[in-house]
């Protein structure tokens, strides 16, 4: 693994992250994204529906059949690594199916129905993006739950720290809530590496509703060695069979 020295300037972004949006999805992955989108739509409407008890029971019966069908299918990993951007690593991103594990992220994953999803991209030495939180993410009335705001920052700053060119894991995340963050509103995200101290990578970021700052955060990420990362992947695969 590349060593980071004190005061060293950020390197190029991980090609896995930088090229993720440009990859053409395989037919299977496109189908997964389509399925997740429809499931996301079900969740969005479920939390605010005025459906009758009969209508809800009918929908549950239909979903029960679909779930049973998936339970009969074999399970396994069709991707490698972690779903979060912080652990992208420096290897080239040249295989859409093998390295599309970002699709499984709970925040940027187009194939994960729990994801809003966030859209991130690199611009020079910063990461910018956009996210719109629907009704399922509500905390205070009409506003995003603070836990999801913090989670979005973890993903944003994780992507930003990849500008160091190595893998890091979140060691500390401090979120400052400046004003309520509205639902159903495009929110602008921006993150960057603040400084590097040995194995510690410090990143900062903001979340805005147009010109209004709703929240800001600072994160500490610690570089881990390849053996530790490999052991975590192996343990995950063994547990899930």
C-alpha atoms as a PDB file:
ATOM      1  CA  UNK A   1       0.000   0.000   0.000  1.00  0.00           C
ATOM      2  CA  UNK A   2       1.196   3.502  -0.795  1.00  0.00           C
ATOM      3  CA  UNK A   3       2.619   5.327   2.182  1.00  0.00           C
ATOM      4  CA  UNK A   4       1.387   8.841   2.963  1.00  0.00           C
ATOM      5  CA  UNK A   5       3.922  11.300   4.344  1.00  0.00           C
ATOM      6  CA  UNK A   6       3.269  14.343   6.512  1.00  0.00           C
ATOM      7  CA  UNK A   7       2.352  17.403   4.494  1.00  0.00           C
ATOM      8  CA  UNK A   8       2.103  15.487   1.228  1.00  0.00           C
ATOM      9  CA  UNK A   9      -0.243  16.910  -1.398  1.00  0.00           C
ATOM     10  CA  UNK A  10      -3.328  14.858  -2.381  1.00  0.00           C
ATOM     11  CA  UNK A  11      -2.786  12.512  -5.308  1.00  0.00           C
ATOM     12  CA  UNK A  12      -5.128  11.678  -8.157  1.00  0.00           C
ATOM     13  CA  UNK A  13      -8.538  10.333  -7.256  1.00  0.00           C
ATOM     14  CA  UNK A  14      -9.111   6.608  -7.194  1.00  0.00           C
ATOM     15  CA  UNK A  15      -9.918   5.542 -10.768  1.00  0.00           C
ATOM     16  CA  UNK A  16     -12.688   3.339  -9.361  1.00  0.00           C
ATOM     17  CA  UNK A  17     -14.571   6.376  -8.106  1.00  0.00           C
ATOM     18  CA  UNK A  18     -13.558   8.738 -10.893  1.00  0.00           C
ATOM     19  CA  UNK A  19     -14.751   6.341 -13.585  1.00  0.00           C
ATOM     20  CA  UNK A  20     -17.762   4.796 -11.864  1.00  0.00           C
ATOM     21  CA  UNK A  21     -20.431   6.961 -13.499  1.00  0.00           C
ATOM     22  CA  UNK A  22     -18.825   6.498 -16.929  1.00  0.00           C
ATOM     23  CA  UNK A  23     -19.061   2.707 -16.840  1.00  0.00           C
ATOM     24  CA  UNK A  24     -21.787   1.180 -18.943  1.00  0.00           C
ATOM     25  CA  UNK A  25     -23.929  -1.129 -16.826  1.00  0.00           C
ATOM     26  CA  UNK A  26     -24.177  -4.764 -17.829  1.00  0.00           C
ATOM     27  CA  UNK A  27     -27.729  -6.001 -18.622  1.00  0.00           C
ATOM     28  CA  UNK A  28     -27.897  -7.770 -15.259  1.00  0.00           C
ATOM     29  CA  UNK A  29     -26.762  -4.704 -13.331  1.00  0.00           C
ATOM     30  CA  UNK A  30     -29.157  -2.491 -15.260  1.00  0.00           C
ATOM     31  CA  UNK A  31     -31.955  -4.854 -14.245  1.00  0.00           C
ATOM     32  CA  UNK A  32     -30.852  -4.649 -10.591  1.00  0.00           C
ATOM     33  CA  UNK A  33     -30.900  -0.851 -10.740  1.00  0.00           C
ATOM     34  CA  UNK A  34     -34.365  -0.898 -12.292  1.00  0.00           C
ATOM     35  CA  UNK A  35     -35.660  -3.247  -9.586  1.00  0.00           C
ATOM     36  CA  UNK A  36     -34.135  -1.092  -6.837  1.00  0.00           C
ATOM     37  CA  UNK A  37     -35.717   2.026  -8.328  1.00  0.00           C
ATOM     38  CA  UNK A  38     -39.173   0.449  -8.223  1.00  0.00           C
ATOM     39  CA  UNK A  39     -38.604  -0.776  -4.653  1.00  0.00           C
ATOM     40  CA  UNK A  40     -37.473   2.727  -3.696  1.00  0.00           C
ATOM     41  CA  UNK A  41     -40.701   4.085  -5.154  1.00  0.00           C
ATOM     42  CA  UNK A  42     -42.727   1.601  -3.083  1.00  0.00           C
ATOM     43  CA  UNK A  43     -40.937   2.732   0.092  1.00  0.00           C
ATOM     44  CA  UNK A  44     -41.478   6.412  -0.760  1.00  0.00           C
ATOM     45  CA  UNK A  45     -45.227   5.936  -1.174  1.00  0.00           C
ATOM     46  CA  UNK A  46     -45.625   3.502   1.722  1.00  0.00           C
ATOM     47  CA  UNK A  47     -44.562   6.006   4.388  1.00  0.00           C
ATOM     48  CA  UNK A  48     -47.214   8.520   3.293  1.00  0.00           C
ATOM     49  CA  UNK A  49     -49.971   6.389   1.788  1.00  0.00           C
ATOM     50  CA  UNK A  50     -53.653   6.658   2.582  1.00  0.00           C
ATOM     51  CA  UNK A  51     -54.318   3.144   1.263  1.00  0.00           C
ATOM     52  CA  UNK A  52     -56.993   1.068   2.999  1.00  0.00           C
ATOM     53  CA  UNK A  53     -56.227  -1.949   5.134  1.00  0.00           C
ATOM     54  CA  UNK A  54     -57.382  -4.222   2.306  1.00  0.00           C
ATOM     55  CA  UNK A  55     -55.130  -2.475  -0.203  1.00  0.00           C
ATOM     56  CA  UNK A  56     -52.157  -2.706   2.147  1.00  0.00           C
ATOM     57  CA  UNK A  57     -52.758  -6.412   2.753  1.00  0.00           C
ATOM     58  CA  UNK A  58     -53.022  -7.045  -0.979  1.00  0.00           C
ATOM     59  CA  UNK A  59     -49.722  -5.244  -1.586  1.00  0.00           C
ATOM     60  CA  UNK A  60     -48.075  -7.212   1.232  1.00  0.00           C
ATOM     61  CA  UNK A  61     -49.322 -10.484  -0.299  1.00  0.00           C
ATOM     62  CA  UNK A  62     -47.791  -9.550  -3.660  1.00  0.00           C
ATOM     63  CA  UNK A  63     -44.475  -8.576  -2.086  1.00  0.00           C
ATOM     64  CA  UNK A  64     -44.464 -11.768  -0.035  1.00  0.00           C
ATOM     65  CA  UNK A  65     -44.574 -13.795  -3.259  1.00  0.00           C
ATOM     66  CA  UNK A  66     -41.674 -11.797  -4.720  1.00  0.00           C
ATOM     67  CA  UNK A  67     -39.634 -12.167  -1.525  1.00  0.00           C
ATOM     68  CA  UNK A  68     -40.266 -15.907  -1.451  1.00  0.00           C
ATOM     69  CA  UNK A  69     -39.009 -16.137  -5.009  1.00  0.00           C
ATOM     70  CA  UNK A  70     -35.736 -14.443  -4.084  1.00  0.00           C
ATOM     71  CA  UNK A  71     -35.317 -16.685  -1.022  1.00  0.00           C
ATOM     72  CA  UNK A  72     -35.403 -19.737  -3.298  1.00  0.00           C
ATOM     73  CA  UNK A  73     -32.531 -18.386  -5.383  1.00  0.00           C
ATOM     74  CA  UNK A  74     -28.890 -19.071  -4.413  1.00  0.00           C
ATOM     75  CA  UNK A  75     -27.053 -16.222  -2.683  1.00  0.00           C
ATOM     76  CA  UNK A  76     -23.494 -15.088  -3.292  1.00  0.00           C
ATOM     77  CA  UNK A  77     -21.250 -12.121  -3.853  1.00  0.00           C
ATOM     78  CA  UNK A  78     -21.076 -10.803  -7.415  1.00  0.00           C
ATOM     79  CA  UNK A  79     -18.740  -7.959  -6.442  1.00  0.00           C
ATOM     80  CA  UNK A  80     -15.603  -7.412  -4.399  1.00  0.00           C
ATOM     81  CA  UNK A  81     -14.678  -4.941  -1.695  1.00  0.00           C
ATOM     82  CA  UNK A  82     -16.847  -2.633   0.369  1.00  0.00           C
ATOM     83  CA  UNK A  83     -19.847  -0.674  -0.818  1.00  0.00           C
ATOM     84  CA  UNK A  84     -18.643   2.632   0.572  1.00  0.00           C
ATOM     85  CA  UNK A  85     -16.521   5.089  -1.390  1.00  0.00           C
ATOM     86  CA  UNK A  86     -13.932   5.428   1.381  1.00  0.00           C
ATOM     87  CA  UNK A  87     -12.502   2.001   0.569  1.00  0.00           C
ATOM     88  CA  UNK A  88     -12.320   2.300  -3.208  1.00  0.00           C
ATOM     89  CA  UNK A  89      -8.581   1.737  -3.383  1.00  0.00           C
ATOM     90  CA  UNK A  90      -6.154   2.667  -6.176  1.00  0.00           C
ATOM     91  CA  UNK A  91      -6.640  -0.261  -8.569  1.00  0.00           C
ATOM     92  CA  UNK A  92      -7.872   0.495 -12.125  1.00  0.00           C
ATOM     93  CA  UNK A  93     -11.608   0.425 -12.674  1.00  0.00           C
ATOM     94  CA  UNK A  94     -11.975  -1.624 -15.846  1.00  0.00           C
ATOM     95  CA  UNK A  95     -14.702  -4.208 -15.202  1.00  0.00           C
ATOM     96  CA  UNK A  96     -18.235  -2.933 -14.664  1.00  0.00           C
ATOM     97  CA  UNK A  97     -19.502  -6.134 -13.015  1.00  0.00           C
ATOM     98  CA  UNK A  98     -16.500  -6.932 -10.840  1.00  0.00           C
ATOM     99  CA  UNK A  99     -15.969  -3.429  -9.477  1.00  0.00           C
ATOM    100  CA  UNK A 100     -19.527  -2.058  -9.445  1.00  0.00           C
ATOM    101  CA  UNK A 101     -19.809  -2.570  -5.700  1.00  0.00           C
ATOM    102  CA  UNK A 102     -20.710   1.106  -5.339  1.00  0.00           C
ATOM    103  CA  UNK A 103     -24.113  -0.015  -6.604  1.00  0.00           C
ATOM    104  CA  UNK A 104     -24.648  -1.677  -3.204  1.00  0.00           C
ATOM    105  CA  UNK A 105     -23.878   1.416  -1.107  1.00  0.00           C
ATOM    106  CA  UNK A 106     -26.717   2.517   1.195  1.00  0.00           C
ATOM    107  CA  UNK A 107     -26.083   6.089   0.035  1.00  0.00           C
ATOM    108  CA  UNK A 108     -24.816   6.072  -3.577  1.00  0.00           C
ATOM    109  CA  UNK A 109     -25.964   2.617  -4.639  1.00  0.00           C
ATOM    110  CA  UNK A 110     -28.286   2.705  -7.650  1.00  0.00           C
ATOM    111  CA  UNK A 111     -28.990  -1.002  -7.035  1.00  0.00           C
ATOM    112  CA  UNK A 112     -29.755  -0.474  -3.336  1.00  0.00           C
ATOM    113  CA  UNK A 113     -33.389   0.523  -2.675  1.00  0.00           C
ATOM    114  CA  UNK A 114     -32.363   2.092   0.650  1.00  0.00           C
ATOM    115  CA  UNK A 115     -30.111   4.635  -1.092  1.00  0.00           C
ATOM    116  CA  UNK A 116     -31.557   8.099  -1.952  1.00  0.00           C
ATOM    117  CA  UNK A 117     -29.236   7.762  -4.039  1.00  0.00           C
ATOM    118  CA  UNK A 118     -26.450  10.370  -3.863  1.00  0.00           C
ATOM    119  CA  UNK A 119     -24.574  11.294  -7.052  1.00  0.00           C
ATOM    120  CA  UNK A 120     -20.891  12.123  -6.586  1.00  0.00           C
ATOM    121  CA  UNK A 121     -18.135  13.139  -8.969  1.00  0.00           C
ATOM    122  CA  UNK A 122     -14.599  14.483  -8.743  1.00  0.00           C
ATOM    123  CA  UNK A 123     -13.784  18.010  -9.845  1.00  0.00           C
ATOM    124  CA  UNK A 124     -10.099  18.703  -9.466  1.00  0.00           C
ATOM    125  CA  UNK A 125      -9.127  18.292  -5.822  1.00  0.00           C
ATOM    126  CA  UNK A 126     -12.688  18.108  -4.492  1.00  0.00           C
ATOM    127  CA  UNK A 127     -15.750  15.868  -4.647  1.00  0.00           C
ATOM    128  CA  UNK A 128     -19.091  17.448  -5.518  1.00  0.00           C
ATOM    129  CA  UNK A 129     -22.527  15.938  -5.778  1.00  0.00           C
ATOM    130  CA  UNK A 130     -26.245  16.130  -5.282  1.00  0.00           C
ATOM    131  CA  UNK A 131     -28.835  14.248  -3.283  1.00  0.00           C
ATOM    132  CA  UNK A 132     -32.585  14.542  -2.754  1.00  0.00           C
ATOM    133  CA  UNK A 133     -34.029  12.815   0.312  1.00  0.00           C
ATOM    134  CA  UNK A 134     -37.594  11.557   0.001  1.00  0.00           C
ATOM    135  CA  UNK A 135     -40.285  11.022   2.629  1.00  0.00           C
ATOM    136  CA  UNK A 136     -38.705   7.813   3.935  1.00  0.00           C
ATOM    137  CA  UNK A 137     -35.801   9.861   5.373  1.00  0.00           C
ATOM    138  CA  UNK A 138     -37.946  12.253   7.413  1.00  0.00           C
ATOM    139  CA  UNK A 139     -36.935  13.255  10.943  1.00  0.00           C
ATOM    140  CA  UNK A 140     -38.350  16.624  12.006  1.00  0.00           C
ATOM    141  CA  UNK A 141     -41.512  17.515  10.042  1.00  0.00           C
ATOM    142  CA  UNK A 142     -40.574  18.116   6.424  1.00  0.00           C
ATOM    143  CA  UNK A 143     -36.872  17.705   7.147  1.00  0.00           C
ATOM    144  CA  UNK A 144     -34.184  15.060   6.765  1.00  0.00           C
ATOM    145  CA  UNK A 145     -33.376  12.918   9.823  1.00  0.00           C
ATOM    146  CA  UNK A 146     -30.023  13.990  11.239  1.00  0.00           C
ATOM    147  CA  UNK A 147     -28.682  10.445  11.076  1.00  0.00           C
ATOM    148  CA  UNK A 148     -29.058  10.420   7.301  1.00  0.00           C
ATOM    149  CA  UNK A 149     -27.362  13.804   7.037  1.00  0.00           C
ATOM    150  CA  UNK A 150     -24.396  12.398   8.977  1.00  0.00           C
ATOM    151  CA  UNK A 151     -24.404   9.235   6.856  1.00  0.00           C
ATOM    152  CA  UNK A 152     -24.330  11.299   3.678  1.00  0.00           C
ATOM    153  CA  UNK A 153     -21.288  13.132   4.992  1.00  0.00           C
ATOM    154  CA  UNK A 154     -19.561   9.843   5.795  1.00  0.00           C
ATOM    155  CA  UNK A 155     -19.999   8.824   2.153  1.00  0.00           C
ATOM    156  CA  UNK A 156     -19.037  12.253   0.782  1.00  0.00           C
ATOM    157  CA  UNK A 157     -15.907  12.629   2.884  1.00  0.00           C
ATOM    158  CA  UNK A 158     -15.014   9.005   2.228  1.00  0.00           C
ATOM    159  CA  UNK A 159     -15.011   9.774  -1.473  1.00  0.00           C
ATOM    160  CA  UNK A 160     -13.034  12.964  -0.857  1.00  0.00           C
ATOM    161  CA  UNK A 161     -10.327  11.210   1.143  1.00  0.00           C
ATOM    162  CA  UNK A 162      -9.799   8.849  -1.789  1.00  0.00           C
ATOM    163  CA  UNK A 163      -8.010  11.809  -3.374  1.00  0.00           C
ATOM    164  CA  UNK A 164      -5.076  10.681  -1.222  1.00  0.00           C
ATOM    165  CA  UNK A 165      -4.831   7.622  -3.485  1.00  0.00           C
ATOM    166  CA  UNK A 166      -5.167   5.041  -0.707  1.00  0.00           C
ATOM    167  CA  UNK A 167      -7.837   3.244   1.337  1.00  0.00           C
ATOM    168  CA  UNK A 168      -8.975   4.755   4.602  1.00  0.00           C
ATOM    169  CA  UNK A 169     -11.677   3.948   7.126  1.00  0.00           C
ATOM    170  CA  UNK A 170     -13.709   6.426   9.135  1.00  0.00           C
ATOM    171  CA  UNK A 171     -12.245   6.963  12.602  1.00  0.00           C
ATOM    172  CA  UNK A 172     -14.185  10.088  13.555  1.00  0.00           C
ATOM    173  CA  UNK A 173     -17.013  12.100  12.025  1.00  0.00           C
ATOM    174  CA  UNK A 174     -18.206  15.434  13.402  1.00  0.00           C
ATOM    175  CA  UNK A 175     -21.395  16.880  11.922  1.00  0.00           C
ATOM    176  CA  UNK A 176     -22.532  20.424  12.602  1.00  0.00           C
ATOM    177  CA  UNK A 177     -26.217  21.042  11.834  1.00  0.00           C
ATOM    178  CA  UNK A 178     -26.615  24.694  10.854  1.00  0.00           C
ATOM    179  CA  UNK A 179     -30.334  24.636   9.963  1.00  0.00           C
ATOM    180  CA  UNK A 180     -33.006  22.016   9.197  1.00  0.00           C
ATOM    181  CA  UNK A 181     -32.284  20.161   5.946  1.00  0.00           C
ATOM    182  CA  UNK A 182     -35.444  19.994   3.783  1.00  0.00           C
ATOM    183  CA  UNK A 183     -36.903  16.895   2.181  1.00  0.00           C
ATOM    184  CA  UNK A 184     -37.688  16.676  -1.553  1.00  0.00           C
ATOM    185  CA  UNK A 185     -35.075  19.323  -2.286  1.00  0.00           C
ATOM    186  CA  UNK A 186     -31.892  18.986  -4.353  1.00  0.00           C
ATOM    187  CA  UNK A 187     -29.021  19.384  -1.895  1.00  0.00           C
ATOM    188  CA  UNK A 188     -25.546  20.353  -3.094  1.00  0.00           C
ATOM    189  CA  UNK A 189     -22.577  18.499  -1.584  1.00  0.00           C
ATOM    190  CA  UNK A 190     -18.901  19.380  -1.608  1.00  0.00           C
ATOM    191  CA  UNK A 191     -15.954  17.647   0.100  1.00  0.00           C
ATOM    192  CA  UNK A 192     -12.177  17.889   0.004  1.00  0.00           C
ATOM    193  CA  UNK A 193      -9.043  16.721   1.756  1.00  0.00           C
ATOM    194  CA  UNK A 194      -8.049  19.244   4.419  1.00  0.00           C
ATOM    195  CA  UNK A 195      -4.696  17.779   5.433  1.00  0.00           C
ATOM    196  CA  UNK A 196      -2.710  14.569   5.780  1.00  0.00           C
ATOM    197  CA  UNK A 197      -0.749  13.595   8.875  1.00  0.00           C
ATOM    198  CA  UNK A 198       1.011  10.270   8.504  1.00  0.00           C
ATOM    199  CA  UNK A 199      -1.684   7.589   8.238  1.00  0.00           C
ATOM    200  CA  UNK A 200      -4.414  10.109   9.109  1.00  0.00           C
ATOM    201  CA  UNK A 201      -6.427  11.800   6.367  1.00  0.00           C
ATOM    202  CA  UNK A 202      -8.621  14.743   7.376  1.00  0.00           C
ATOM    203  CA  UNK A 203     -11.510  15.750   5.101  1.00  0.00           C
ATOM    204  CA  UNK A 204     -14.143  18.486   5.321  1.00  0.00           C
ATOM    205  CA  UNK A 205     -17.455  18.968   3.559  1.00  0.00           C
ATOM    206  CA  UNK A 206     -20.648  21.001   3.256  1.00  0.00           C
ATOM    207  CA  UNK A 207     -24.314  20.433   2.415  1.00  0.00           C
ATOM    208  CA  UNK A 208     -26.349  23.289   0.929  1.00  0.00           C
ATOM    209  CA  UNK A 209     -29.903  24.030  -0.085  1.00  0.00           C
ATOM    210  CA  UNK A 210     -29.165  26.449  -2.942  1.00  0.00           C
ATOM    211  CA  UNK A 211     -27.038  29.125  -1.227  1.00  0.00           C
ATOM    212  CA  UNK A 212     -28.042  28.166   2.321  1.00  0.00           C
ATOM    213  CA  UNK A 213     -25.657  26.049   4.368  1.00  0.00           C
ATOM    214  CA  UNK A 214     -27.673  23.349   6.148  1.00  0.00           C
ATOM    215  CA  UNK A 215     -24.820  21.266   7.576  1.00  0.00           C
ATOM    216  CA  UNK A 216     -21.067  20.826   7.495  1.00  0.00           C
ATOM    217  CA  UNK A 217     -18.772  18.072   8.681  1.00  0.00           C
ATOM    218  CA  UNK A 218     -15.188  17.061   9.251  1.00  0.00           C
ATOM    219  CA  UNK A 219     -13.933  13.505   9.192  1.00  0.00           C
ATOM    220  CA  UNK A 220     -10.820  11.614  10.149  1.00  0.00           C
ATOM    221  CA  UNK A 221      -9.904   8.582   8.057  1.00  0.00           C
ATOM    222  CA  UNK A 222      -7.093   6.184   8.936  1.00  0.00           C
ATOM    223  CA  UNK A 223      -5.181   4.290   6.260  1.00  0.00           C
ATOM    224  CA  UNK A 224      -5.345   0.534   6.780  1.00  0.00           C
ATOM    225  CA  UNK A 225      -2.993  -2.045   5.359  1.00  0.00           C
ATOM    226  CA  UNK A 226      -4.035  -4.407   2.587  1.00  0.00           C
ATOM    227  CA  UNK A 227      -3.913  -7.440   4.900  1.00  0.00           C
ATOM    228  CA  UNK A 228      -6.534  -5.946   7.217  1.00  0.00           C
ATOM    229  CA  UNK A 229      -8.777  -5.049   4.297  1.00  0.00           C
ATOM    230  CA  UNK A 230      -8.416  -8.539   2.813  1.00  0.00           C
ATOM    231  CA  UNK A 231      -9.257 -10.168   6.136  1.00  0.00           C
ATOM    232  CA  UNK A 232     -12.446  -8.092   6.446  1.00  0.00           C
ATOM    233  CA  UNK A 233     -13.571  -9.060   2.943  1.00  0.00           C
ATOM    234  CA  UNK A 234     -12.832 -12.741   3.624  1.00  0.00           C
ATOM    235  CA  UNK A 235     -14.760 -12.656   6.911  1.00  0.00           C
ATOM    236  CA  UNK A 236     -17.731 -11.021   5.215  1.00  0.00           C
ATOM    237  CA  UNK A 237     -17.786 -13.601   2.431  1.00  0.00           C
ATOM    238  CA  UNK A 238     -17.467 -16.508   4.877  1.00  0.00           C
ATOM    239  CA  UNK A 239     -20.328 -15.216   7.014  1.00  0.00           C
ATOM    240  CA  UNK A 240     -22.645 -14.739   4.043  1.00  0.00           C
ATOM    241  CA  UNK A 241     -21.676 -18.056   2.492  1.00  0.00           C
END
